[in-house]
Amino acid sequence: MDRVKLPAAGALALFLVAWFLPVEADASTLSDGVLPGWQALMVALGPVTQHAFAELDLITIRELLMAMSALSNVMMAYAAVLALAWPRWRFWHPHRLSWHLGAAFLVNAQWMWPRGGAFLDLRAGYYLWSASFALMALAVRRLERRHAARAAPDGVAPAAPAAPA
């Protein structure tokens, strides 16, 4: 594996390991026969998937953030595939992907905010999962910069054309 891909591989490793570690103190564990990451995903999607859309009540901001947090896993999988397959598969807009991963990291941080005056007792699975988004954002940014340096001769950005005299 190329050295430049090591941060992406590390982010993917953190992401995958986090699915097997406890996420919250009161949640099920592997010894209970439940994959903690899967349970956390279902909890995050629960308010949206079980919402009574026939009624006129709206989804709260908290419920929307929970669903966005759950769906950020799809973005992580997409970013991991692109980063590890680079340079065979190119990023269309790598700076956007790194910014989206950074935004996902911030959305995932919402689990640390208190709910009803009480904080969740978050465990290592959550923190590794959340950190994997920040590390993948940095890895994608690093790959983008490497690609830009290769495109420019001698690693120097091309100069703007001179104005006609």
C-alpha atoms as a PDB file:
ATOM      1  CA  MET A   1       0.000   0.000   0.000  1.00  0.00           C
ATOM      2  CA  ASP A   2       1.187   3.456  -0.896  1.00  0.00           C
ATOM      3  CA  ARG A   3       2.296   5.582   2.088  1.00  0.00           C
ATOM      4  CA  VAL A   4      -0.045   8.362   1.017  1.00  0.00           C
ATOM      5  CA  LYS A   5      -3.004   6.008   1.517  1.00  0.00           C
ATOM      6  CA  LEU A   6      -2.094   5.054   5.101  1.00  0.00           C
ATOM      7  CA  PRO A   7      -4.285   7.742   6.740  1.00  0.00           C
ATOM      8  CA  ALA A   8      -7.268   6.553   4.673  1.00  0.00           C
ATOM      9  CA  ALA A   9      -6.582   2.937   5.636  1.00  0.00           C
ATOM     10  CA  GLY A  10      -6.272   4.020   9.286  1.00  0.00           C
ATOM     11  CA  ALA A  11      -9.577   5.888   9.094  1.00  0.00           C
ATOM     12  CA  LEU A  12     -11.265   2.832   7.592  1.00  0.00           C
ATOM     13  CA  ALA A  13      -9.764   0.624  10.315  1.00  0.00           C
ATOM     14  CA  LEU A  14     -11.073   2.973  13.034  1.00  0.00           C
ATOM     15  CA  PHE A  15     -14.479   3.033  11.355  1.00  0.00           C
ATOM     16  CA  LEU A  16     -14.720  -0.759  11.152  1.00  0.00           C
ATOM     17  CA  VAL A  17     -13.412  -1.408  14.675  1.00  0.00           C
ATOM     18  CA  ALA A  18     -15.887   1.128  16.079  1.00  0.00           C
ATOM     19  CA  TRP A  19     -18.816  -0.995  14.853  1.00  0.00           C
ATOM     20  CA  PHE A  20     -17.756  -3.787  17.241  1.00  0.00           C
ATOM     21  CA  LEU A  21     -17.058  -1.690  20.345  1.00  0.00           C
ATOM     22  CA  PRO A  22     -19.659  -0.427  22.836  1.00  0.00           C
ATOM     23  CA  VAL A  23     -21.176   2.880  21.742  1.00  0.00           C
ATOM     24  CA  GLU A  24     -23.224   3.841  24.785  1.00  0.00           C
ATOM     25  CA  ALA A  25     -23.195   2.528  28.363  1.00  0.00           C
ATOM     26  CA  ASP A  26     -26.811   1.305  28.363  1.00  0.00           C
ATOM     27  CA  ALA A  27     -26.639  -0.240  24.877  1.00  0.00           C
ATOM     28  CA  SER A  28     -26.167  -3.894  23.988  1.00  0.00           C
ATOM     29  CA  THR A  29     -22.740  -5.367  23.396  1.00  0.00           C
ATOM     30  CA  LEU A  30     -21.285  -8.182  21.325  1.00  0.00           C
ATOM     31  CA  SER A  31     -21.636 -10.521  24.312  1.00  0.00           C
ATOM     32  CA  ASP A  32     -25.393  -9.862  24.150  1.00  0.00           C
ATOM     33  CA  GLY A  33     -25.356 -11.053  20.539  1.00  0.00           C
ATOM     34  CA  VAL A  34     -25.842  -7.556  19.092  1.00  0.00           C
ATOM     35  CA  LEU A  35     -23.429  -5.605  16.913  1.00  0.00           C
ATOM     36  CA  PRO A  36     -23.164  -2.292  18.834  1.00  0.00           C
ATOM     37  CA  GLY A  37     -22.600  -0.195  15.700  1.00  0.00           C
ATOM     38  CA  TRP A  38     -25.668  -1.671  14.017  1.00  0.00           C
ATOM     39  CA  GLN A  39     -27.775  -0.973  17.102  1.00  0.00           C
ATOM     40  CA  ALA A  40     -26.530   2.624  17.184  1.00  0.00           C
ATOM     41  CA  LEU A  41     -27.394   2.994  13.500  1.00  0.00           C
ATOM     42  CA  MET A  42     -30.930   1.715  14.103  1.00  0.00           C
ATOM     43  CA  VAL A  43     -31.362   4.045  17.090  1.00  0.00           C
ATOM     44  CA  ALA A  44     -30.253   7.003  14.979  1.00  0.00           C
ATOM     45  CA  LEU A  45     -32.625   6.116  12.143  1.00  0.00           C
ATOM     46  CA  GLY A  46     -35.482   5.216  14.482  1.00  0.00           C
ATOM     47  CA  PRO A  47     -37.168   8.612  14.906  1.00  0.00           C
ATOM     48  CA  VAL A  48     -37.272   9.173  11.152  1.00  0.00           C
ATOM     49  CA  THR A  49     -38.238   5.669  10.039  1.00  0.00           C
ATOM     50  CA  GLN A  50     -40.890   5.282  12.731  1.00  0.00           C
ATOM     51  CA  HIS A  51     -42.220   8.816  12.325  1.00  0.00           C
ATOM     52  CA  ALA A  52     -45.940   9.183  11.647  1.00  0.00           C
ATOM     53  CA  PHE A  53     -45.721  11.218   8.448  1.00  0.00           C
ATOM     54  CA  ALA A  54     -49.501  11.121   8.058  1.00  0.00           C
ATOM     55  CA  GLU A  55     -49.729  13.467  10.996  1.00  0.00           C
ATOM     56  CA  LEU A  56     -48.898  17.131  10.640  1.00  0.00           C
ATOM     57  CA  ASP A  57     -46.166  17.151  13.245  1.00  0.00           C
ATOM     58  CA  LEU A  58     -42.716  17.865  11.935  1.00  0.00           C
ATOM     59  CA  ILE A  59     -39.461  16.087  12.504  1.00  0.00           C
ATOM     60  CA  THR A  60     -37.446  17.951  15.101  1.00  0.00           C
ATOM     61  CA  ILE A  61     -33.972  19.265  14.412  1.00  0.00           C
ATOM     62  CA  ARG A  62     -32.578  16.618  16.775  1.00  0.00           C
ATOM     63  CA  GLU A  63     -34.288  13.822  14.812  1.00  0.00           C
ATOM     64  CA  LEU A  64     -33.000  15.241  11.548  1.00  0.00           C
ATOM     65  CA  LEU A  65     -29.451  15.420  12.914  1.00  0.00           C
ATOM     66  CA  MET A  66     -29.750  11.836  14.132  1.00  0.00           C
ATOM     67  CA  ALA A  67     -30.783  10.655  10.657  1.00  0.00           C
ATOM     68  CA  MET A  68     -27.996  12.675   9.010  1.00  0.00           C
ATOM     69  CA  SER A  69     -25.540  11.126  11.442  1.00  0.00           C
ATOM     70  CA  ALA A  70     -26.710   7.633  10.502  1.00  0.00           C
ATOM     71  CA  LEU A  71     -26.537   8.378   6.776  1.00  0.00           C
ATOM     72  CA  SER A  72     -23.005   9.734   7.125  1.00  0.00           C
ATOM     73  CA  ASN A  73     -21.908   6.084   7.219  1.00  0.00           C
ATOM     74  CA  VAL A  74     -22.710   5.851   3.503  1.00  0.00           C
ATOM     75  CA  MET A  75     -20.438   8.831   2.827  1.00  0.00           C
ATOM     76  CA  MET A  76     -17.655   7.193   4.826  1.00  0.00           C
ATOM     77  CA  ALA A  77     -17.928   3.994   2.795  1.00  0.00           C
ATOM     78  CA  TYR A  78     -17.880   6.005  -0.448  1.00  0.00           C
ATOM     79  CA  ALA A  79     -14.852   8.016   0.663  1.00  0.00           C
ATOM     80  CA  ALA A  80     -12.999   4.881   1.776  1.00  0.00           C
ATOM     81  CA  VAL A  81     -13.523   3.186  -1.590  1.00  0.00           C
ATOM     82  CA  LEU A  82     -12.356   6.272  -3.490  1.00  0.00           C
ATOM     83  CA  ALA A  83      -9.374   6.951  -1.245  1.00  0.00           C
ATOM     84  CA  LEU A  84      -8.100   3.382  -1.303  1.00  0.00           C
ATOM     85  CA  ALA A  85      -8.648   3.009  -5.060  1.00  0.00           C
ATOM     86  CA  TRP A  86      -6.872   6.307  -5.793  1.00  0.00           C
ATOM     87  CA  PRO A  87      -5.320   7.089  -8.347  1.00  0.00           C
ATOM     88  CA  ARG A  88      -7.154   4.510 -10.493  1.00  0.00           C
ATOM     89  CA  TRP A  89     -10.441   6.129  -9.462  1.00  0.00           C
ATOM     90  CA  ARG A  90     -10.269   9.911  -9.328  1.00  0.00           C
ATOM     91  CA  PHE A  91     -12.189  12.210  -7.070  1.00  0.00           C
ATOM     92  CA  TRP A  92     -14.454  14.472  -9.031  1.00  0.00           C
ATOM     93  CA  HIS A  93     -14.326  17.213  -6.425  1.00  0.00           C
ATOM     94  CA  PRO A  94     -11.995  16.044  -3.657  1.00  0.00           C
ATOM     95  CA  HIS A  95     -12.086  19.342  -1.813  1.00  0.00           C
ATOM     96  CA  ARG A  96     -15.846  18.962  -1.578  1.00  0.00           C
ATOM     97  CA  LEU A  97     -15.552  15.410  -0.297  1.00  0.00           C
ATOM     98  CA  SER A  98     -13.088  16.435   2.401  1.00  0.00           C
ATOM     99  CA  TRP A  99     -15.378  19.308   3.426  1.00  0.00           C
ATOM    100  CA  HIS A 100     -18.392  16.991   3.486  1.00  0.00           C
ATOM    101  CA  LEU A 101     -16.522  14.527   5.673  1.00  0.00           C
ATOM    102  CA  GLY A 102     -15.576  17.392   7.996  1.00  0.00           C
ATOM    103  CA  ALA A 103     -19.217  18.451   8.139  1.00  0.00           C
ATOM    104  CA  ALA A 104     -20.194  14.852   8.886  1.00  0.00           C
ATOM    105  CA  PHE A 105     -17.720  14.875  11.754  1.00  0.00           C
ATOM    106  CA  LEU A 106     -19.445  17.967  13.162  1.00  0.00           C
ATOM    107  CA  VAL A 107     -22.913  16.466  12.688  1.00  0.00           C
ATOM    108  CA  ASN A 108     -21.755  13.308  14.443  1.00  0.00           C
ATOM    109  CA  ALA A 109     -20.527  15.414  17.356  1.00  0.00           C
ATOM    110  CA  GLN A 110     -24.170  16.256  18.128  1.00  0.00           C
ATOM    111  CA  TRP A 111     -24.384  13.008  20.113  1.00  0.00           C
ATOM    112  CA  MET A 112     -22.297  14.687  22.834  1.00  0.00           C
ATOM    113  CA  TRP A 113     -24.904  17.394  23.400  1.00  0.00           C
ATOM    114  CA  PRO A 114     -27.264  16.784  26.325  1.00  0.00           C
ATOM    115  CA  ARG A 115     -30.656  15.231  25.676  1.00  0.00           C
ATOM    116  CA  GLY A 116     -33.301  16.428  28.044  1.00  0.00           C
ATOM    117  CA  GLY A 117     -30.680  17.769  30.439  1.00  0.00           C
ATOM    118  CA  ALA A 118     -28.770  14.467  30.546  1.00  0.00           C
ATOM    119  CA  PHE A 119     -25.642  13.503  28.645  1.00  0.00           C
ATOM    120  CA  LEU A 120     -25.302  10.120  26.970  1.00  0.00           C
ATOM    121  CA  ASP A 121     -22.630   7.922  28.503  1.00  0.00           C
ATOM    122  CA  LEU A 122     -20.693   7.456  25.266  1.00  0.00           C
ATOM    123  CA  ARG A 123     -18.063   4.761  24.970  1.00  0.00           C
ATOM    124  CA  ALA A 124     -15.012   4.031  22.804  1.00  0.00           C
ATOM    125  CA  GLY A 125     -17.068   2.860  19.809  1.00  0.00           C
ATOM    126  CA  TYR A 126     -18.594   6.305  19.391  1.00  0.00           C
ATOM    127  CA  TYR A 127     -15.318   8.171  19.752  1.00  0.00           C
ATOM    128  CA  LEU A 128     -13.450   5.929  17.293  1.00  0.00           C
ATOM    129  CA  TRP A 129     -16.339   6.141  14.825  1.00  0.00           C
ATOM    130  CA  SER A 130     -16.423   9.924  15.060  1.00  0.00           C
ATOM    131  CA  ALA A 131     -12.630  10.266  14.809  1.00  0.00           C
ATOM    132  CA  SER A 132     -12.633   8.121  11.664  1.00  0.00           C
ATOM    133  CA  PHE A 133     -14.558  10.867   9.841  1.00  0.00           C
ATOM    134  CA  ALA A 134     -12.004  13.529  10.765  1.00  0.00           C
ATOM    135  CA  LEU A 135      -9.102  11.272   9.781  1.00  0.00           C
ATOM    136  CA  MET A 136     -10.733  10.361   6.457  1.00  0.00           C
ATOM    137  CA  ALA A 137     -11.336  14.064   5.716  1.00  0.00           C
ATOM    138  CA  LEU A 138      -7.626  14.720   6.270  1.00  0.00           C
ATOM    139  CA  ALA A 139      -6.678  11.690   4.158  1.00  0.00           C
ATOM    140  CA  VAL A 140      -8.825  12.817   1.238  1.00  0.00           C
ATOM    141  CA  ARG A 141      -7.412  16.331   1.510  1.00  0.00           C
ATOM    142  CA  ARG A 142      -3.885  14.892   1.474  1.00  0.00           C
ATOM    143  CA  LEU A 143      -4.647  12.859  -1.666  1.00  0.00           C
ATOM    144  CA  GLU A 144      -6.096  15.960  -3.299  1.00  0.00           C
ATOM    145  CA  ARG A 145      -2.964  17.965  -2.579  1.00  0.00           C
ATOM    146  CA  ARG A 146      -0.766  15.166  -3.884  1.00  0.00           C
ATOM    147  CA  HIS A 147      -2.769  15.084  -7.110  1.00  0.00           C
ATOM    148  CA  ALA A 148      -2.481  18.877  -7.478  1.00  0.00           C
ATOM    149  CA  ALA A 149       1.284  18.703  -6.916  1.00  0.00           C
ATOM    150  CA  ARG A 150       1.645  16.021  -9.589  1.00  0.00           C
ATOM    151  CA  ALA A 151      -0.375  18.075 -12.047  1.00  0.00           C
ATOM    152  CA  ALA A 152       1.929  21.079 -11.661  1.00  0.00           C
ATOM    153  CA  PRO A 153       5.526  20.766 -12.906  1.00  0.00           C
ATOM    154  CA  ASP A 154       8.075  20.496 -10.098  1.00  0.00           C
ATOM    155  CA  GLY A 155       5.306  20.842  -7.526  1.00  0.00           C
ATOM    156  CA  VAL A 156       4.915  24.542  -8.306  1.00  0.00           C
ATOM    157  CA  ALA A 157       1.507  25.838  -9.290  1.00  0.00           C
ATOM    158  CA  PRO A 158       1.352  27.030 -12.889  1.00  0.00           C
ATOM    159  CA  ALA A 159       1.806  30.762 -13.240  1.00  0.00           C
ATOM    160  CA  ALA A 160      -0.986  32.933 -14.607  1.00  0.00           C
ATOM    161  CA  PRO A 161      -0.455  34.059 -18.189  1.00  0.00           C
ATOM    162  CA  ALA A 162       1.175  37.473 -18.503  1.00  0.00           C
ATOM    163  CA  ALA A 163      -1.085  40.377 -19.427  1.00  0.00           C
ATOM    164  CA  PRO A 164      -0.567  41.711 -22.959  1.00  0.00           C
ATOM    165  CA  ALA A 165       1.594  44.826 -23.015  1.00  0.00           C
END
